[in-house]
Amino acid sequence: MDITVQELRQKLEAGDQFIFIDVREPHEYEEFNLGARLLPLGGIVNTIIELQDNKDDEIVVHCRSGARSGQAQAMLTSQGFTNVRNLTGGVLAWMDAYGKDKP
């Protein structure tokens, strides 16, 4: 299941509780981020171990365009996570819609 930038912004502004993960690389995160926890895709296997207690919690993953976070979504889902959402279009879609404005 995916999430749009509009839906994500509403969730962030409302203070909804969910796990928010950015799977980009550190240099990308430093340039601009949405406030998610940085867990680069290459280390997602370690992340799966850390997140075992959150298998049924909502997890939103994002990257630059949605491709890497799609891979992270597939990996998490294959490990039994039930509510992993990929940000459609990633940070690029966010910047198209809102520029560098963060909620």
N, C-alpha and C. Protein backbone atom coordinates (compact mmCIF):
# COMPACT_ATOMS: atom_id res chain seq x y z
N MET A 1 0.85 -1.18 0.00
CA MET A 1 0.00 0.00 0.00
C MET A 1 0.90 1.24 0.00
N ASP A 2 0.60 2.18 -0.85
CA ASP A 2 1.39 3.39 -0.95
C ASP A 2 0.70 4.57 -0.26
N ILE A 3 1.44 5.66 -0.10
CA ILE A 3 0.91 6.87 0.51
C ILE A 3 1.36 8.05 -0.36
N THR A 4 0.49 9.01 -0.56
CA THR A 4 0.85 10.19 -1.36
C THR A 4 1.50 11.24 -0.45
N VAL A 5 2.16 12.21 -1.06
CA VAL A 5 2.77 13.28 -0.26
C VAL A 5 1.70 14.07 0.48
N GLN A 6 0.52 14.20 -0.12
CA GLN A 6 -0.57 14.93 0.54
C GLN A 6 -1.03 14.17 1.80
N GLU A 7 -1.19 12.85 1.67
CA GLU A 7 -1.59 12.05 2.83
C GLU A 7 -0.52 12.09 3.92
N LEU A 8 0.74 12.01 3.51
CA LEU A 8 1.83 12.05 4.48
C LEU A 8 1.85 13.39 5.21
N ARG A 9 1.71 14.47 4.48
CA ARG A 9 1.72 15.79 5.12
C ARG A 9 0.59 15.89 6.15
N GLN A 10 -0.59 15.40 5.80
CA GLN A 10 -1.72 15.42 6.75
C GLN A 10 -1.38 14.63 8.01
N LYS A 11 -0.76 13.46 7.85
CA LYS A 11 -0.40 12.62 9.00
C LYS A 11 0.63 13.33 9.88
N LEU A 12 1.63 13.95 9.24
CA LEU A 12 2.66 14.65 10.00
C LEU A 12 2.08 15.86 10.74
N GLU A 13 1.23 16.61 10.06
CA GLU A 13 0.63 17.79 10.68
C GLU A 13 -0.31 17.42 11.82
N ALA A 14 -0.97 16.27 11.69
CA ALA A 14 -1.90 15.82 12.73
C ALA A 14 -1.17 15.17 13.91
N GLY A 15 0.13 14.91 13.73
CA GLY A 15 0.88 14.25 14.80
C GLY A 15 0.56 12.78 14.94
N ASP A 16 0.10 12.17 13.84
CA ASP A 16 -0.21 10.73 13.87
C ASP A 16 1.03 9.92 14.27
N GLN A 17 0.79 8.82 14.96
CA GLN A 17 1.88 7.94 15.36
C GLN A 17 2.14 6.89 14.28
N PHE A 18 3.37 6.88 13.76
CA PHE A 18 3.79 5.86 12.80
C PHE A 18 5.31 5.88 12.76
N ILE A 19 5.88 4.83 12.23
CA ILE A 19 7.33 4.74 12.09
C ILE A 19 7.67 5.30 10.72
N PHE A 20 8.58 6.27 10.69
CA PHE A 20 8.89 7.01 9.47
C PHE A 20 10.37 6.80 9.15
N ILE A 21 10.64 6.16 8.01
CA ILE A 21 12.00 5.76 7.66
C ILE A 21 12.40 6.33 6.29
N ASP A 22 13.58 6.93 6.26
CA ASP A 22 14.19 7.45 5.03
C ASP A 22 15.31 6.47 4.65
N VAL A 23 15.21 5.83 3.50
CA VAL A 23 16.19 4.81 3.11
C VAL A 23 17.27 5.34 2.16
N ARG A 24 17.37 6.66 2.04
CA ARG A 24 18.41 7.25 1.20
C ARG A 24 19.77 7.19 1.91
N GLU A 25 20.78 7.71 1.25
CA GLU A 25 22.14 7.75 1.81
C GLU A 25 22.32 9.02 2.65
N PRO A 26 23.29 9.01 3.58
CA PRO A 26 23.48 10.17 4.47
C PRO A 26 23.65 11.50 3.76
N HIS A 27 24.38 11.54 2.64
CA HIS A 27 24.58 12.83 1.95
C HIS A 27 23.26 13.36 1.38
N GLU A 28 22.37 12.47 0.97
CA GLU A 28 21.06 12.91 0.47
C GLU A 28 20.22 13.46 1.62
N TYR A 29 20.30 12.78 2.77
CA TYR A 29 19.56 13.18 3.96
C TYR A 29 20.00 14.56 4.42
N GLU A 30 21.31 14.81 4.37
CA GLU A 30 21.84 16.11 4.80
C GLU A 30 21.36 17.24 3.91
N GLU A 31 21.21 16.97 2.61
CA GLU A 31 20.76 18.00 1.67
C GLU A 31 19.33 18.42 1.97
N PHE A 32 18.46 17.46 2.22
CA PHE A 32 17.05 17.75 2.55
C PHE A 32 16.42 16.49 3.09
N ASN A 33 15.68 16.64 4.19
CA ASN A 33 14.97 15.48 4.73
C ASN A 33 13.63 15.90 5.28
N LEU A 34 12.77 14.92 5.47
CA LEU A 34 11.41 15.16 5.96
C LEU A 34 11.29 14.85 7.46
N GLY A 35 12.42 14.62 8.10
CA GLY A 35 12.40 14.35 9.54
C GLY A 35 12.27 12.88 9.89
N ALA A 36 12.36 12.01 8.89
CA ALA A 36 12.27 10.57 9.13
C ALA A 36 13.60 10.07 9.71
N ARG A 37 13.56 8.88 10.27
CA ARG A 37 14.77 8.23 10.76
C ARG A 37 15.56 7.73 9.55
N LEU A 38 16.85 8.08 9.49
CA LEU A 38 17.69 7.67 8.37
C LEU A 38 18.18 6.24 8.58
N LEU A 39 17.75 5.35 7.69
CA LEU A 39 18.19 3.95 7.69
C LEU A 39 18.44 3.57 6.24
N PRO A 40 19.66 3.83 5.72
CA PRO A 40 19.93 3.55 4.31
C PRO A 40 19.56 2.13 3.89
N LEU A 41 19.10 2.01 2.66
CA LEU A 41 18.60 0.73 2.14
C LEU A 41 19.60 -0.40 2.35
N GLY A 42 20.89 -0.13 2.19
CA GLY A 42 21.90 -1.17 2.36
C GLY A 42 21.90 -1.81 3.74
N GLY A 43 21.40 -1.09 4.74
CA GLY A 43 21.37 -1.62 6.10
C GLY A 43 19.99 -2.07 6.54
N ILE A 44 19.06 -2.21 5.61
CA ILE A 44 17.67 -2.53 5.97
C ILE A 44 17.55 -3.88 6.67
N VAL A 45 18.46 -4.81 6.38
CA VAL A 45 18.41 -6.12 7.03
C VAL A 45 18.56 -5.95 8.54
N ASN A 46 19.49 -5.08 8.97
CA ASN A 46 19.65 -4.81 10.40
C ASN A 46 18.43 -4.12 10.96
N THR A 47 17.81 -3.27 10.16
CA THR A 47 16.62 -2.55 10.59
C THR A 47 15.47 -3.52 10.87
N ILE A 48 15.36 -4.55 10.04
CA ILE A 48 14.29 -5.53 10.22
C ILE A 48 14.39 -6.16 11.61
N ILE A 49 15.59 -6.44 12.06
CA ILE A 49 15.78 -7.01 13.39
C ILE A 49 15.33 -6.01 14.46
N GLU A 50 15.72 -4.74 14.29
CA GLU A 50 15.35 -3.70 15.25
C GLU A 50 13.85 -3.48 15.33
N LEU A 51 13.15 -3.72 14.23
CA LEU A 51 11.72 -3.40 14.15
C LEU A 51 10.79 -4.58 14.42
N GLN A 52 11.33 -5.69 14.88
CA GLN A 52 10.52 -6.90 15.08
C GLN A 52 9.27 -6.65 15.93
N ASP A 53 9.36 -5.77 16.92
CA ASP A 53 8.21 -5.49 17.79
C ASP A 53 7.17 -4.61 17.11
N ASN A 54 7.47 -4.13 15.92
CA ASN A 54 6.58 -3.20 15.22
C ASN A 54 5.95 -3.81 13.97
N LYS A 55 5.85 -5.13 13.92
CA LYS A 55 5.38 -5.79 12.69
C LYS A 55 3.98 -5.37 12.25
N ASP A 56 3.13 -4.99 13.20
CA ASP A 56 1.77 -4.60 12.84
C ASP A 56 1.55 -3.09 12.89
N ASP A 57 2.60 -2.33 13.21
CA ASP A 57 2.48 -0.87 13.26
C ASP A 57 2.59 -0.30 11.85
N GLU A 58 2.05 0.90 11.67
CA GLU A 58 2.19 1.56 10.39
C GLU A 58 3.63 2.04 10.22
N ILE A 59 4.23 1.69 9.09
CA ILE A 59 5.59 2.11 8.76
C ILE A 59 5.52 2.81 7.41
N VAL A 60 6.04 4.03 7.35
CA VAL A 60 6.11 4.76 6.08
C VAL A 60 7.58 4.85 5.69
N VAL A 61 7.91 4.36 4.50
CA VAL A 61 9.28 4.43 3.99
C VAL A 61 9.33 5.37 2.79
N HIS A 62 10.45 6.09 2.67
CA HIS A 62 10.59 6.96 1.50
C HIS A 62 12.05 7.06 1.10
N CYS A 63 12.25 7.48 -0.14
CA CYS A 63 13.58 7.73 -0.69
C CYS A 63 13.47 8.94 -1.60
N ARG A 64 14.34 9.02 -2.59
CA ARG A 64 14.33 10.15 -3.51
C ARG A 64 13.13 10.10 -4.45
N SER A 65 12.89 8.91 -5.05
CA SER A 65 11.85 8.83 -6.08
C SER A 65 10.79 7.77 -5.81
N GLY A 66 11.04 6.91 -4.83
CA GLY A 66 10.10 5.83 -4.54
C GLY A 66 10.62 4.45 -4.90
N ALA A 67 11.74 4.38 -5.63
CA ALA A 67 12.26 3.07 -6.07
C ALA A 67 12.93 2.31 -4.93
N ARG A 68 13.88 2.95 -4.24
CA ARG A 68 14.57 2.27 -3.14
C ARG A 68 13.61 1.97 -2.00
N SER A 69 12.70 2.90 -1.72
CA SER A 69 11.75 2.65 -0.64
C SER A 69 10.77 1.54 -1.04
N GLY A 70 10.53 1.39 -2.34
CA GLY A 70 9.72 0.26 -2.80
C GLY A 70 10.41 -1.06 -2.50
N GLN A 71 11.74 -1.08 -2.68
CA GLN A 71 12.51 -2.28 -2.34
C GLN A 71 12.45 -2.54 -0.84
N ALA A 72 12.59 -1.48 -0.04
CA ALA A 72 12.52 -1.63 1.42
C ALA A 72 11.14 -2.14 1.83
N GLN A 73 10.09 -1.61 1.20
CA GLN A 73 8.73 -2.04 1.48
C GLN A 73 8.58 -3.54 1.19
N ALA A 74 9.11 -3.98 0.07
CA ALA A 74 9.03 -5.40 -0.30
C ALA A 74 9.79 -6.27 0.69
N MET A 75 10.97 -5.82 1.11
CA MET A 75 11.76 -6.60 2.08
C MET A 75 11.03 -6.72 3.41
N LEU A 76 10.50 -5.61 3.89
CA LEU A 76 9.79 -5.62 5.18
C LEU A 76 8.54 -6.50 5.10
N THR A 77 7.79 -6.34 4.01
CA THR A 77 6.57 -7.14 3.83
C THR A 77 6.90 -8.63 3.78
N SER A 78 8.00 -8.96 3.12
CA SER A 78 8.38 -10.38 3.02
C SER A 78 8.78 -10.95 4.37
N GLN A 79 9.12 -10.08 5.32
CA GLN A 79 9.50 -10.52 6.65
C GLN A 79 8.34 -10.47 7.64
N GLY A 80 7.12 -10.28 7.11
CA GLY A 80 5.93 -10.35 7.95
C GLY A 80 5.40 -9.03 8.46
N PHE A 81 5.95 -7.90 7.99
CA PHE A 81 5.42 -6.60 8.39
C PHE A 81 4.12 -6.38 7.61
N THR A 82 3.08 -5.95 8.30
CA THR A 82 1.74 -5.96 7.69
C THR A 82 1.24 -4.61 7.19
N ASN A 83 1.90 -3.51 7.57
CA ASN A 83 1.36 -2.20 7.22
C ASN A 83 2.49 -1.26 6.80
N VAL A 84 3.21 -1.62 5.72
CA VAL A 84 4.32 -0.82 5.23
C VAL A 84 3.86 -0.02 4.02
N ARG A 85 4.02 1.30 4.09
CA ARG A 85 3.56 2.18 3.02
C ARG A 85 4.74 2.91 2.39
N ASN A 86 4.76 2.94 1.08
CA ASN A 86 5.83 3.60 0.32
C ASN A 86 5.33 4.97 -0.14
N LEU A 87 6.15 6.00 0.10
CA LEU A 87 5.79 7.35 -0.34
C LEU A 87 5.92 7.44 -1.86
N THR A 88 4.80 7.56 -2.54
CA THR A 88 4.76 7.65 -4.00
C THR A 88 5.54 8.87 -4.48
N GLY A 89 6.56 8.63 -5.30
CA GLY A 89 7.34 9.73 -5.86
C GLY A 89 8.44 10.25 -4.95
N GLY A 90 8.47 9.80 -3.71
CA GLY A 90 9.52 10.15 -2.77
C GLY A 90 9.70 11.64 -2.54
N VAL A 91 10.94 12.01 -2.18
CA VAL A 91 11.26 13.40 -1.88
C VAL A 91 11.04 14.29 -3.10
N LEU A 92 11.26 13.75 -4.29
CA LEU A 92 11.03 14.55 -5.50
C LEU A 92 9.57 15.00 -5.59
N ALA A 93 8.65 14.10 -5.29
CA ALA A 93 7.22 14.45 -5.32
C ALA A 93 6.91 15.47 -4.23
N TRP A 94 7.53 15.30 -3.05
CA TRP A 94 7.32 16.26 -1.96
C TRP A 94 7.77 17.65 -2.41
N MET A 95 8.96 17.73 -3.01
CA MET A 95 9.49 19.03 -3.43
C MET A 95 8.66 19.63 -4.56
N ASP A 96 8.12 18.79 -5.44
CA ASP A 96 7.22 19.30 -6.48
C ASP A 96 5.98 19.93 -5.86
N ALA A 97 5.46 19.30 -4.81
CA ALA A 97 4.22 19.77 -4.19
C ALA A 97 4.45 20.90 -3.19
N TYR A 98 5.53 20.82 -2.41
CA TYR A 98 5.69 21.75 -1.29
C TYR A 98 7.05 22.46 -1.25
N GLY A 99 7.92 22.22 -2.22
CA GLY A 99 9.25 22.80 -2.15
C GLY A 99 10.00 22.19 -0.97
N LYS A 100 10.76 22.99 -0.27
CA LYS A 100 11.50 22.48 0.88
C LYS A 100 10.75 22.76 2.18
N ASP A 101 9.46 23.03 2.07
CA ASP A 101 8.62 23.27 3.24
C ASP A 101 8.35 21.95 3.96
N LYS A 102 8.62 21.95 5.26
CA LYS A 102 8.35 20.75 6.06
C LYS A 102 7.22 21.04 7.04
N PRO A 103 6.40 20.05 7.33
CA PRO A 103 5.32 20.28 8.30
C PRO A 103 5.85 20.46 9.71
